[in-house]
N, C-alpha and C. Protein backbone atom coordinates (compact mmCIF):
# COMPACT_ATOMS: atom_id res chain seq x y z
N UNK A 1 -50.77 -95.70 46.60
CA UNK A 1 -49.69 -96.33 47.46
C UNK A 1 -48.56 -96.76 46.66
N UNK A 2 -48.69 -97.23 45.45
CA UNK A 2 -47.60 -97.64 44.59
C UNK A 2 -46.74 -96.36 44.17
N UNK A 3 -47.35 -95.19 43.92
CA UNK A 3 -46.70 -94.02 43.54
C UNK A 3 -45.82 -93.58 44.69
N UNK A 4 -46.31 -93.75 45.89
CA UNK A 4 -45.50 -93.29 47.19
C UNK A 4 -44.24 -94.10 47.21
N UNK A 5 -44.21 -95.34 46.87
CA UNK A 5 -43.04 -96.18 46.99
C UNK A 5 -42.09 -95.85 45.92
N UNK A 6 -42.59 -95.53 44.73
CA UNK A 6 -41.70 -95.05 43.61
C UNK A 6 -41.14 -93.68 43.96
N UNK A 7 -41.88 -92.75 44.42
CA UNK A 7 -41.38 -91.47 44.77
C UNK A 7 -40.48 -91.53 45.94
N UNK A 8 -40.63 -92.44 46.85
CA UNK A 8 -39.73 -92.57 47.93
C UNK A 8 -38.37 -93.12 47.52
N UNK A 9 -38.45 -94.08 46.43
CA UNK A 9 -37.15 -94.62 45.82
C UNK A 9 -36.36 -93.58 45.10
N UNK A 10 -37.12 -92.75 44.30
CA UNK A 10 -36.59 -91.66 43.64
C UNK A 10 -35.93 -90.64 44.68
N UNK A 11 -36.62 -90.42 45.66
CA UNK A 11 -36.00 -89.42 46.74
C UNK A 11 -34.75 -90.09 47.24
N UNK A 12 -34.63 -91.37 47.59
CA UNK A 12 -33.47 -91.92 47.98
C UNK A 12 -32.41 -91.92 47.02
N UNK A 13 -32.58 -92.08 45.71
CA UNK A 13 -31.64 -91.88 44.67
C UNK A 13 -31.08 -90.54 44.65
N UNK A 14 -31.92 -89.52 44.74
CA UNK A 14 -31.44 -88.10 44.82
C UNK A 14 -30.61 -87.83 46.04
N UNK A 15 -30.99 -88.35 47.06
CA UNK A 15 -30.18 -88.16 48.25
C UNK A 15 -28.83 -88.77 48.12
N UNK A 16 -28.67 -90.01 47.53
CA UNK A 16 -27.38 -90.57 47.39
C UNK A 16 -26.62 -89.80 46.33
N UNK A 17 -27.27 -89.27 45.34
CA UNK A 17 -26.60 -88.33 44.46
C UNK A 17 -26.02 -87.09 45.05
N UNK A 18 -26.80 -86.44 45.97
CA UNK A 18 -26.40 -85.25 46.73
C UNK A 18 -25.31 -85.65 47.63
N UNK A 19 -25.31 -86.89 48.33
CA UNK A 19 -24.26 -87.33 49.16
C UNK A 19 -22.85 -87.48 48.44
N UNK A 20 -22.95 -88.00 47.16
CA UNK A 20 -21.77 -88.08 46.32
C UNK A 20 -21.20 -86.63 46.06
N UNK A 21 -22.04 -85.77 45.79
CA UNK A 21 -21.62 -84.39 45.57
C UNK A 21 -20.99 -83.65 46.71
N UNK A 22 -21.55 -84.01 47.87
CA UNK A 22 -21.00 -83.46 49.15
C UNK A 22 -19.62 -84.13 49.37
N UNK A 23 -19.48 -85.41 49.24
CA UNK A 23 -18.18 -86.02 49.47
C UNK A 23 -17.13 -85.53 48.38
N UNK A 24 -17.54 -85.24 47.24
CA UNK A 24 -16.71 -84.72 46.14
C UNK A 24 -16.14 -83.30 46.56
N UNK A 25 -16.98 -82.36 47.17
CA UNK A 25 -16.45 -81.15 47.51
C UNK A 25 -15.79 -81.04 48.89
N UNK A 26 -15.90 -82.09 49.69
CA UNK A 26 -15.32 -82.09 51.09
C UNK A 26 -13.78 -82.09 50.99
N UNK A 27 -13.18 -81.40 51.92
CA UNK A 27 -11.71 -81.32 52.04
C UNK A 27 -10.78 -82.42 52.50
N UNK A 28 -11.27 -83.33 53.43
CA UNK A 28 -10.27 -84.27 54.09
C UNK A 28 -9.50 -85.14 53.15
N UNK A 29 -8.68 -86.05 53.50
CA UNK A 29 -7.89 -86.88 52.71
C UNK A 29 -8.46 -87.35 51.34
N UNK A 30 -7.66 -87.32 50.35
CA UNK A 30 -7.92 -87.47 48.91
C UNK A 30 -8.58 -88.84 48.87
N UNK A 31 -7.93 -89.90 49.28
CA UNK A 31 -8.44 -91.32 49.21
C UNK A 31 -9.70 -91.50 49.91
N UNK A 32 -9.84 -91.01 51.17
CA UNK A 32 -11.06 -91.07 51.96
C UNK A 32 -12.18 -90.47 51.23
N UNK A 33 -11.94 -89.30 50.64
CA UNK A 33 -13.04 -88.59 49.99
C UNK A 33 -13.38 -89.45 48.63
N UNK A 34 -12.49 -90.02 47.94
CA UNK A 34 -12.91 -90.78 46.83
C UNK A 34 -13.69 -92.02 47.21
N UNK A 35 -13.28 -92.73 48.25
CA UNK A 35 -14.00 -93.89 48.77
C UNK A 35 -15.44 -93.58 49.15
N UNK A 36 -15.61 -92.51 49.79
CA UNK A 36 -16.98 -92.18 50.29
C UNK A 36 -17.79 -91.79 49.00
N UNK A 37 -17.24 -91.03 48.15
CA UNK A 37 -17.91 -90.63 46.82
C UNK A 37 -18.25 -91.86 45.98
N UNK A 38 -17.30 -92.82 45.89
CA UNK A 38 -17.63 -94.11 45.21
C UNK A 38 -18.66 -94.91 45.75
N UNK A 39 -18.74 -94.95 47.19
CA UNK A 39 -19.68 -95.73 47.75
C UNK A 39 -21.20 -95.03 47.55
N UNK A 40 -21.22 -93.73 47.62
CA UNK A 40 -22.52 -93.09 47.39
C UNK A 40 -23.06 -93.23 45.95
N UNK A 41 -22.09 -93.15 45.02
CA UNK A 41 -22.49 -93.32 43.64
C UNK A 41 -22.86 -94.88 43.38
N UNK A 42 -22.19 -95.80 43.95
CA UNK A 42 -22.59 -97.11 43.79
C UNK A 42 -23.86 -97.49 44.44
N UNK A 43 -24.18 -96.82 45.54
CA UNK A 43 -25.48 -96.92 46.21
C UNK A 43 -26.66 -96.30 45.18
N UNK A 44 -26.37 -95.13 44.60
CA UNK A 44 -27.29 -94.57 43.65
C UNK A 44 -27.52 -95.42 42.47
N UNK A 45 -26.55 -96.13 41.92
CA UNK A 45 -26.72 -96.99 40.82
C UNK A 45 -27.51 -98.24 41.17
N UNK A 46 -27.17 -98.66 42.26
CA UNK A 46 -27.86 -99.92 42.87
C UNK A 46 -29.32 -99.63 43.08
N UNK A 47 -29.69 -98.51 43.64
CA UNK A 47 -30.96 -98.09 43.80
C UNK A 47 -31.80 -97.89 42.60
N UNK A 48 -31.12 -97.35 41.56
CA UNK A 48 -31.74 -97.12 40.17
C UNK A 48 -32.02 -98.35 39.55
N UNK A 49 -31.02 -99.38 39.66
CA UNK A 49 -31.34 -100.69 39.00
C UNK A 49 -32.52 -101.38 39.71
N UNK A 50 -32.41 -101.38 41.12
CA UNK A 50 -33.54 -101.87 41.90
C UNK A 50 -34.86 -101.44 41.51
N UNK A 51 -34.93 -100.10 41.46
CA UNK A 51 -36.29 -99.42 41.09
C UNK A 51 -36.76 -99.86 39.72
N UNK A 52 -35.79 -99.84 38.74
CA UNK A 52 -36.12 -100.35 37.47
C UNK A 52 -36.61 -101.71 37.40
N UNK A 53 -35.97 -102.63 38.11
CA UNK A 53 -36.45 -104.17 38.10
C UNK A 53 -37.83 -104.12 38.81
N UNK A 54 -37.89 -103.43 39.91
CA UNK A 54 -39.30 -103.49 40.67
C UNK A 54 -40.34 -102.98 39.74
N UNK A 55 -40.17 -101.99 38.94
CA UNK A 55 -41.17 -101.42 38.11
C UNK A 55 -41.52 -102.40 37.00
N UNK A 56 -40.43 -102.95 36.45
CA UNK A 56 -40.68 -103.92 35.40
C UNK A 56 -41.32 -105.18 35.94
N UNK A 57 -41.02 -105.73 37.14
CA UNK A 57 -41.66 -106.78 37.72
C UNK A 57 -43.14 -106.46 37.97
N UNK A 58 -43.50 -105.27 38.51
CA UNK A 58 -44.86 -104.96 38.76
C UNK A 58 -45.58 -104.79 37.43
N UNK A 59 -45.06 -104.31 36.33
CA UNK A 59 -45.65 -104.22 35.12
C UNK A 59 -45.95 -105.68 34.63
N UNK A 60 -44.95 -106.67 34.68
CA UNK A 60 -45.06 -108.03 34.09
C UNK A 60 -46.18 -108.80 35.06
N UNK A 61 -46.23 -108.45 36.19
CA UNK A 61 -47.14 -109.22 37.11
C UNK A 61 -48.63 -108.55 36.96
N UNK A 62 -48.76 -107.40 36.20
CA UNK A 62 -50.03 -106.77 36.01
C UNK A 62 -50.46 -105.92 37.25
N UNK A 63 -49.53 -105.59 38.10
CA UNK A 63 -49.78 -104.73 39.31
C UNK A 63 -49.95 -103.31 38.82
N UNK A 64 -49.23 -102.93 37.88
CA UNK A 64 -49.34 -101.50 37.23
C UNK A 64 -49.47 -101.55 35.76
N UNK A 65 -50.17 -100.68 35.13
CA UNK A 65 -50.31 -100.70 33.67
C UNK A 65 -50.24 -99.16 33.18
N UNK A 66 -49.91 -99.08 31.99
CA UNK A 66 -49.69 -97.73 31.41
C UNK A 66 -51.14 -97.13 31.13
N UNK A 67 -51.23 -95.88 31.30
CA UNK A 67 -52.49 -95.16 31.21
C UNK A 67 -52.50 -94.25 29.88
N UNK A 68 -51.45 -94.06 29.22
CA UNK A 68 -51.44 -93.12 28.10
C UNK A 68 -51.03 -91.77 28.62
N UNK A 69 -51.30 -90.83 27.69
CA UNK A 69 -50.93 -89.35 27.93
C UNK A 69 -51.87 -88.76 28.96
N UNK A 70 -51.48 -88.36 30.12
CA UNK A 70 -52.39 -87.76 31.03
C UNK A 70 -52.90 -86.40 30.67
N UNK A 71 -52.16 -85.73 29.67
CA UNK A 71 -52.59 -84.45 29.34
C UNK A 71 -53.62 -84.38 28.15
N UNK A 72 -53.95 -85.47 27.66
CA UNK A 72 -54.83 -85.52 26.61
C UNK A 72 -54.46 -85.06 25.22
N UNK A 73 -53.15 -84.94 24.99
CA UNK A 73 -52.65 -84.36 23.84
C UNK A 73 -52.22 -85.31 22.84
């Protein structure tokens, strides 16, 4: 369940990044394009910080713990 939340947050971050790329390549007014791209990038940064803080809080509370190298190497 925890991994689905993390993967969902990562998917949202990638969607925000793709949205910023879309707005960067769009043709309409220069200022309107910059505003939309800045909002999308700000959303991506906010989501990334929120994900980091949630993972850090979950680790501090003992809800998640490191397991080492899954490949056994």
